[in-house]
Amino acid sequence: MPMALNVGDKVTLKKPHPCGSKVFIILRTGADFRIKCDGCGHEIWIPRPNLEKRIKQVEPAPQKE
């Protein structure tokens, strides 16, 4: 069963990006995810299984009213 990940969620990964930040924002979901580094803004395409293995913590996006 895949993890419940949505656009706008902030995920903390186990290993940092070369800029030093471990926090990424999910921009697109599906079989491949597009995530953006919260530190430098670099965007990365990553397959779902690879991302799910690397996630340490998920912070849900704020709910719109």
N, C-alpha and C. Protein backbone atom coordinates (compact mmCIF):
# COMPACT_ATOMS: atom_id res chain seq x y z
N MET A 1 0.85 -1.19 0.00
CA MET A 1 0.00 0.00 0.00
C MET A 1 0.89 1.24 0.00
N PRO A 2 0.71 2.13 -0.97
CA PRO A 2 1.54 3.34 -1.02
C PRO A 2 1.21 4.31 0.11
N MET A 3 2.21 5.10 0.48
CA MET A 3 2.03 6.12 1.51
C MET A 3 1.07 7.19 1.01
N ALA A 4 0.38 7.84 1.93
CA ALA A 4 -0.53 8.94 1.58
C ALA A 4 0.28 10.23 1.50
N LEU A 5 0.71 10.58 0.29
CA LEU A 5 1.48 11.80 0.05
C LEU A 5 0.69 12.68 -0.91
N ASN A 6 0.60 13.96 -0.59
CA ASN A 6 -0.17 14.89 -1.40
C ASN A 6 0.67 16.09 -1.80
N VAL A 7 0.20 16.79 -2.83
CA VAL A 7 0.88 18.01 -3.28
C VAL A 7 0.85 19.02 -2.14
N GLY A 8 2.00 19.63 -1.88
CA GLY A 8 2.12 20.63 -0.82
C GLY A 8 2.68 20.08 0.48
N ASP A 9 2.70 18.76 0.64
CA ASP A 9 3.27 18.18 1.86
C ASP A 9 4.77 18.44 1.90
N LYS A 10 5.29 18.64 3.11
CA LYS A 10 6.74 18.78 3.30
C LYS A 10 7.25 17.45 3.84
N VAL A 11 8.26 16.90 3.18
CA VAL A 11 8.84 15.64 3.62
C VAL A 11 10.28 15.87 4.04
N THR A 12 10.67 15.24 5.14
CA THR A 12 12.05 15.27 5.61
C THR A 12 12.68 13.95 5.20
N LEU A 13 13.78 14.02 4.46
CA LEU A 13 14.45 12.81 4.00
C LEU A 13 15.58 12.43 4.96
N LYS A 14 16.04 11.18 4.83
CA LYS A 14 17.08 10.68 5.71
C LYS A 14 18.43 11.32 5.43
N LYS A 15 18.72 11.54 4.14
CA LYS A 15 20.00 12.15 3.77
C LYS A 15 19.76 13.55 3.20
N PRO A 16 20.66 14.48 3.48
CA PRO A 16 20.46 15.85 3.00
C PRO A 16 20.80 16.02 1.52
N HIS A 17 20.21 17.04 0.93
CA HIS A 17 20.56 17.49 -0.42
C HIS A 17 21.96 18.11 -0.33
N PRO A 18 22.71 18.19 -1.41
CA PRO A 18 24.05 18.79 -1.35
C PRO A 18 24.09 20.20 -0.75
N CYS A 19 22.97 20.93 -0.80
CA CYS A 19 22.94 22.28 -0.21
C CYS A 19 22.85 22.22 1.32
N GLY A 20 22.53 21.05 1.87
CA GLY A 20 22.45 20.89 3.32
C GLY A 20 21.05 20.72 3.87
N SER A 21 20.03 21.02 3.08
CA SER A 21 18.64 20.91 3.54
C SER A 21 18.13 19.47 3.38
N LYS A 22 17.35 19.02 4.37
CA LYS A 22 16.73 17.69 4.31
C LYS A 22 15.24 17.79 4.00
N VAL A 23 14.69 19.00 3.91
CA VAL A 23 13.26 19.22 3.73
C VAL A 23 12.95 19.49 2.26
N PHE A 24 11.95 18.78 1.73
CA PHE A 24 11.52 18.93 0.35
C PHE A 24 10.00 19.12 0.33
N ILE A 25 9.50 19.85 -0.67
CA ILE A 25 8.08 20.08 -0.85
C ILE A 25 7.62 19.28 -2.07
N ILE A 26 6.51 18.55 -1.95
CA ILE A 26 5.99 17.76 -3.05
C ILE A 26 5.22 18.67 -4.01
N LEU A 27 5.63 18.66 -5.28
CA LEU A 27 4.99 19.48 -6.31
C LEU A 27 4.06 18.67 -7.20
N ARG A 28 4.34 17.37 -7.38
CA ARG A 28 3.53 16.52 -8.26
C ARG A 28 3.59 15.10 -7.72
N THR A 29 2.44 14.40 -7.78
CA THR A 29 2.39 13.02 -7.32
C THR A 29 2.06 12.10 -8.48
N GLY A 30 2.18 10.81 -8.26
CA GLY A 30 1.89 9.81 -9.27
C GLY A 30 2.92 8.71 -9.17
N ALA A 31 3.21 8.07 -10.29
CA ALA A 31 4.25 7.03 -10.32
C ALA A 31 5.61 7.67 -10.06
N ASP A 32 5.80 8.88 -10.59
CA ASP A 32 7.01 9.66 -10.32
C ASP A 32 6.59 10.92 -9.58
N PHE A 33 7.42 11.32 -8.64
CA PHE A 33 7.14 12.53 -7.86
C PHE A 33 8.10 13.63 -8.30
N ARG A 34 7.61 14.87 -8.27
CA ARG A 34 8.49 16.01 -8.46
C ARG A 34 8.54 16.71 -7.10
N ILE A 35 9.75 16.83 -6.56
CA ILE A 35 9.93 17.47 -5.27
C ILE A 35 10.89 18.64 -5.42
N LYS A 36 10.72 19.64 -4.55
CA LYS A 36 11.56 20.83 -4.60
C LYS A 36 12.28 20.98 -3.27
N CYS A 37 13.59 21.19 -3.32
CA CYS A 37 14.39 21.39 -2.11
C CYS A 37 13.94 22.70 -1.45
N ASP A 38 13.69 22.65 -0.15
CA ASP A 38 13.25 23.83 0.59
C ASP A 38 14.41 24.79 0.82
N GLY A 39 15.64 24.31 0.69
CA GLY A 39 16.80 25.16 0.91
C GLY A 39 17.20 25.97 -0.31
N CYS A 40 17.44 25.29 -1.44
CA CYS A 40 17.96 25.97 -2.63
C CYS A 40 16.96 26.07 -3.76
N GLY A 41 15.83 25.35 -3.69
CA GLY A 41 14.81 25.44 -4.72
C GLY A 41 15.01 24.50 -5.90
N HIS A 42 16.02 23.64 -5.85
CA HIS A 42 16.28 22.69 -6.93
C HIS A 42 15.14 21.67 -7.01
N GLU A 43 14.65 21.39 -8.22
CA GLU A 43 13.56 20.43 -8.41
C GLU A 43 14.11 19.10 -8.90
N ILE A 44 13.56 18.02 -8.37
CA ILE A 44 14.03 16.67 -8.66
C ILE A 44 12.84 15.78 -9.01
N TRP A 45 12.97 14.95 -10.05
CA TRP A 45 11.99 13.90 -10.36
C TRP A 45 12.51 12.62 -9.74
N ILE A 46 11.66 11.91 -8.98
CA ILE A 46 12.08 10.69 -8.31
C ILE A 46 10.92 9.69 -8.33
N PRO A 47 11.20 8.41 -8.63
CA PRO A 47 10.15 7.39 -8.61
C PRO A 47 9.58 7.20 -7.19
N ARG A 48 8.29 6.87 -7.12
CA ARG A 48 7.61 6.71 -5.82
C ARG A 48 8.32 5.74 -4.87
N PRO A 49 8.73 4.54 -5.33
CA PRO A 49 9.38 3.62 -4.38
C PRO A 49 10.67 4.19 -3.78
N ASN A 50 11.45 4.90 -4.59
CA ASN A 50 12.70 5.50 -4.10
C ASN A 50 12.41 6.58 -3.07
N LEU A 51 11.40 7.40 -3.33
CA LEU A 51 11.06 8.47 -2.39
C LEU A 51 10.54 7.89 -1.08
N GLU A 52 9.65 6.90 -1.16
CA GLU A 52 9.08 6.32 0.06
C GLU A 52 10.16 5.71 0.95
N LYS A 53 11.20 5.12 0.36
CA LYS A 53 12.29 4.54 1.14
C LYS A 53 13.11 5.63 1.85
N ARG A 54 13.19 6.80 1.26
CA ARG A 54 14.05 7.87 1.78
C ARG A 54 13.37 8.79 2.78
N ILE A 55 12.04 8.69 2.92
CA ILE A 55 11.30 9.60 3.79
C ILE A 55 11.49 9.23 5.26
N LYS A 56 11.78 10.26 6.06
CA LYS A 56 11.91 10.10 7.50
C LYS A 56 10.66 10.62 8.21
N GLN A 57 10.10 11.74 7.71
CA GLN A 57 8.94 12.37 8.33
C GLN A 57 8.12 13.11 7.29
N VAL A 58 6.79 13.14 7.47
CA VAL A 58 5.88 13.85 6.55
C VAL A 58 5.13 14.91 7.36
N GLU A 59 5.16 16.15 6.88
CA GLU A 59 4.38 17.23 7.49
C GLU A 59 3.30 17.62 6.48
N PRO A 60 2.02 17.32 6.80
CA PRO A 60 0.95 17.61 5.84
C PRO A 60 0.85 19.09 5.50
N ALA A 61 0.38 19.37 4.29
CA ALA A 61 0.17 20.76 3.85
C ALA A 61 -0.95 21.38 4.68
N PRO A 62 -0.89 22.68 4.94
CA PRO A 62 -1.98 23.32 5.68
C PRO A 62 -3.29 23.23 4.90
N GLN A 63 -4.37 22.99 5.61
CA GLN A 63 -5.69 22.85 4.98
C GLN A 63 -6.25 24.21 4.61
N LYS A 64 -6.82 24.30 3.41
CA LYS A 64 -7.46 25.54 2.96
C LYS A 64 -8.90 25.57 3.47
N GLU A 65 -9.36 26.74 3.86
CA GLU A 65 -10.73 26.85 4.37
C GLU A 65 -11.69 27.31 3.30
